[in-house]
Protein backbone atom coordinates (compact mmCIF):
# COMPACT_ATOMS: atom_id res chain seq x y z
CA UNK A 1 -9.82 114.43 134.31
CA UNK A 2 -8.20 114.12 131.06
CA UNK A 3 -8.55 110.87 129.15
CA UNK A 4 -6.37 109.90 126.28
CA UNK A 5 -6.49 106.98 123.89
CA UNK A 6 -3.56 105.31 122.17
CA UNK A 7 -4.92 103.39 119.36
CA UNK A 8 -2.88 100.78 117.36
CA UNK A 9 -2.69 97.18 116.15
CA UNK A 10 0.08 96.32 118.79
CA UNK A 11 0.90 93.06 116.62
CA UNK A 12 2.96 92.47 118.67
CA UNK A 13 3.55 95.21 121.20
CA UNK A 14 7.16 96.37 121.10
CA UNK A 15 9.37 98.05 123.64
CA UNK A 16 8.63 101.25 121.46
CA UNK A 17 4.98 101.06 122.05
CA UNK A 18 5.71 100.24 125.89
CA UNK A 19 7.85 103.47 125.88
CA UNK A 20 5.02 105.68 124.57
CA UNK A 21 2.63 104.06 126.82
CA UNK A 22 4.64 104.70 129.94
CA UNK A 23 5.25 108.31 129.03
CA UNK A 24 1.67 109.05 128.09
CA UNK A 25 0.43 107.55 131.29
CA UNK A 26 2.51 110.01 133.11
CA UNK A 27 0.86 112.88 131.11
CA UNK A 28 -2.80 112.03 131.32
CA UNK A 29 -5.07 111.18 134.07
CA UNK A 30 -6.55 107.98 132.34
CA UNK A 31 -4.90 106.31 129.21
CA UNK A 32 -6.75 103.76 127.10
CA UNK A 33 -4.70 101.44 125.15
CA UNK A 34 -7.09 100.74 122.14
CA UNK A 35 -6.14 97.53 120.27
CA UNK A 36 -7.49 97.75 116.68
CA UNK A 37 -9.41 94.77 115.42
CA UNK A 38 -8.57 95.35 111.72
CA UNK A 39 -10.43 92.77 109.61
CA UNK A 40 -8.56 93.89 106.55
CA UNK A 41 -5.22 92.36 108.03
CA UNK A 42 -4.00 89.02 108.88
CA UNK A 43 -2.28 89.69 112.28
CA UNK A 44 0.05 87.26 114.01
CA UNK A 45 -2.08 87.44 117.31
CA UNK A 46 -5.82 87.60 117.75
CA UNK A 47 -7.21 90.88 119.12
CA UNK A 48 -8.01 88.98 122.52
CA UNK A 49 -4.32 87.82 122.61
CA UNK A 50 -3.05 91.23 121.82
CA UNK A 51 -5.19 92.85 124.70
CA UNK A 52 -4.02 90.04 127.13
CA UNK A 53 -0.33 90.79 126.47
CA UNK A 54 -0.84 94.56 126.82
CA UNK A 55 -2.71 93.91 130.24
CA UNK A 56 0.24 91.70 131.36
CA UNK A 57 2.94 94.05 130.49
CA UNK A 58 1.14 97.26 131.75
CA UNK A 59 -0.17 95.62 134.81
CA UNK A 60 1.93 97.90 137.14
CA UNK A 61 0.60 101.16 135.61
CA UNK A 62 -2.41 102.21 137.59
CA UNK A 63 -4.06 104.54 135.31
CA UNK A 64 -4.33 102.37 132.22
CA UNK A 65 -6.99 100.37 130.61
CA UNK A 66 -6.70 98.25 127.67
CA UNK A 67 -9.52 97.49 125.28
CA UNK A 68 -10.24 96.39 121.74
CA UNK A 69 -12.15 98.25 119.14
CA UNK A 70 -13.46 98.31 115.59
CA UNK A 71 -13.74 101.24 113.09
CA UNK A 72 -12.49 104.74 113.34
CA UNK A 73 -10.13 105.54 116.25
CA UNK A 74 -11.80 109.13 116.47
CA UNK A 75 -15.20 107.55 116.78
CA UNK A 76 -13.75 105.15 119.51
CA UNK A 77 -12.24 108.42 121.39
CA UNK A 78 -15.68 110.04 121.28
CA UNK A 79 -17.37 106.79 122.74
CA UNK A 80 -14.92 106.91 125.55
CA UNK A 81 -14.99 110.54 126.40
CA UNK A 82 -11.46 111.12 125.44
CA UNK A 83 -10.11 114.54 124.79
CA UNK A 84 -6.80 113.43 123.41
CA UNK A 85 -5.47 110.72 120.95
CA UNK A 86 -1.68 109.77 121.52
CA UNK A 87 0.38 108.80 118.46
CA UNK A 88 3.92 107.65 118.44
CA UNK A 89 6.42 108.87 115.87
CA UNK A 90 9.78 107.10 114.96
CA UNK A 91 10.75 109.16 111.82
CA UNK A 92 9.81 111.87 109.42
CA UNK A 93 7.76 109.26 107.25
CA UNK A 94 5.71 108.59 110.19
CA UNK A 95 5.13 112.27 110.80
CA UNK A 96 3.92 112.90 107.39
CA UNK A 97 1.23 109.99 107.39
CA UNK A 98 0.31 110.86 111.09
CA UNK A 99 -0.13 114.52 110.35
CA UNK A 100 -2.38 113.84 107.44
CA UNK A 101 -4.45 111.53 109.79
CA UNK A 102 -4.56 114.03 112.62
CA UNK A 103 -5.61 116.76 110.39
CA UNK A 104 -8.56 114.77 109.09
CA UNK A 105 -9.48 113.72 112.51
CA UNK A 106 -9.51 117.32 113.52
CA UNK A 107 -12.04 118.00 110.71
CA UNK A 108 -14.20 114.96 111.94
CA UNK A 109 -13.88 115.77 115.67
CA UNK A 110 -12.63 119.30 116.47
CA UNK A 111 -12.89 118.68 120.04
CA UNK A 112 -10.32 116.00 120.10
CA UNK A 113 -6.69 116.86 119.95
CA UNK A 114 -3.81 114.59 118.66
CA UNK A 115 -0.66 114.56 120.82
CA UNK A 116 2.62 113.18 119.10
CA UNK A 117 5.24 111.46 121.28
CA UNK A 118 8.47 110.85 119.66
CA UNK A 119 9.92 107.54 120.50
CA UNK A 120 13.02 107.06 122.55
CA UNK A 121 16.11 107.04 120.15
CA UNK A 122 16.87 103.52 121.06
CA UNK A 123 13.52 102.35 119.50
CA UNK A 124 13.43 104.74 116.33
CA UNK A 125 14.07 102.07 113.99
CA UNK A 126 11.84 99.39 115.71
CA UNK A 127 8.46 98.25 114.29
CA UNK A 128 6.08 95.26 114.96
CA UNK A 129 6.94 94.08 111.32
CA UNK A 130 10.67 93.93 111.93
CA UNK A 131 10.22 91.95 115.19
CA UNK A 132 7.90 89.50 113.33
CA UNK A 133 10.37 89.05 110.55
CA UNK A 134 13.33 88.44 112.85
CA UNK A 135 11.20 85.96 114.86
CA UNK A 136 10.02 84.07 111.65
CA UNK A 137 13.74 83.29 111.09
CA UNK A 138 14.17 82.16 114.70
CA UNK A 139 16.33 85.35 115.42
CA UNK A 140 16.82 87.04 118.91
CA UNK A 141 14.06 89.47 119.57
CA UNK A 142 14.80 90.01 123.31
CA UNK A 143 16.00 93.55 122.87
CA UNK A 144 12.79 94.44 120.95
CA UNK A 145 9.93 93.10 123.22
CA UNK A 146 9.03 92.10 126.74
CA UNK A 147 10.30 88.68 127.58
CA UNK A 148 6.60 87.55 128.06
CA UNK A 149 5.84 88.76 124.45
CA UNK A 150 8.85 87.37 123.10
CA UNK A 151 7.91 83.88 124.37
CA UNK A 152 4.58 84.18 122.78
CA UNK A 153 5.90 85.30 119.33
CA UNK A 154 8.39 82.34 119.30
CA UNK A 155 5.74 80.05 120.14
CA UNK A 156 3.48 81.28 117.17
CA UNK A 157 6.44 81.00 114.86
CA UNK A 158 7.41 77.38 116.11
CA UNK A 159 3.97 76.20 115.56
CA UNK A 160 3.80 77.66 112.06
CA UNK A 161 6.94 75.86 111.03
CA UNK A 162 5.80 72.36 112.16
CA UNK A 163 3.41 71.32 109.61
CA UNK A 164 2.74 68.05 111.42
CA UNK A 165 2.67 65.94 108.11
CA UNK A 166 5.86 64.33 108.70
CA UNK A 167 6.24 64.31 104.75
CA UNK A 168 9.55 65.00 103.30
CA UNK A 169 10.22 66.70 99.97
């Protein structure tokens, strides 16, 4: 049985991520979506919220597991007995960065291969950062994320814009 890990922050999970997840789930016997708990960043969603969202939108895919992790993704792959790490590529700039990481990981763990999946062209421009920026200005993000994810994003931004003090400048 081939186990693959698709690590990322998924803050929030986009339709581009979901495209990679669906395709990778067809390629491997078992796919673990590994949500990084990166203490160096200030994410919009907690790690637990991101795991829950991913579980909800991938519920129909039978060979998927969603977990959170800390630390090096290559170490996590070893802990899970994975033979493959999946990474998505949107553009040449992604490739340069991801290739460097993959080569470094190969030195650390020569028994784990990295498989690059190019994103569907209709998502090649899409990133979590773009989705968050549009949402922060109350823009329509329905084309970029699952409707359940969109509702949670908009809820986060509607709360952040209501300071609750009632004070006027």
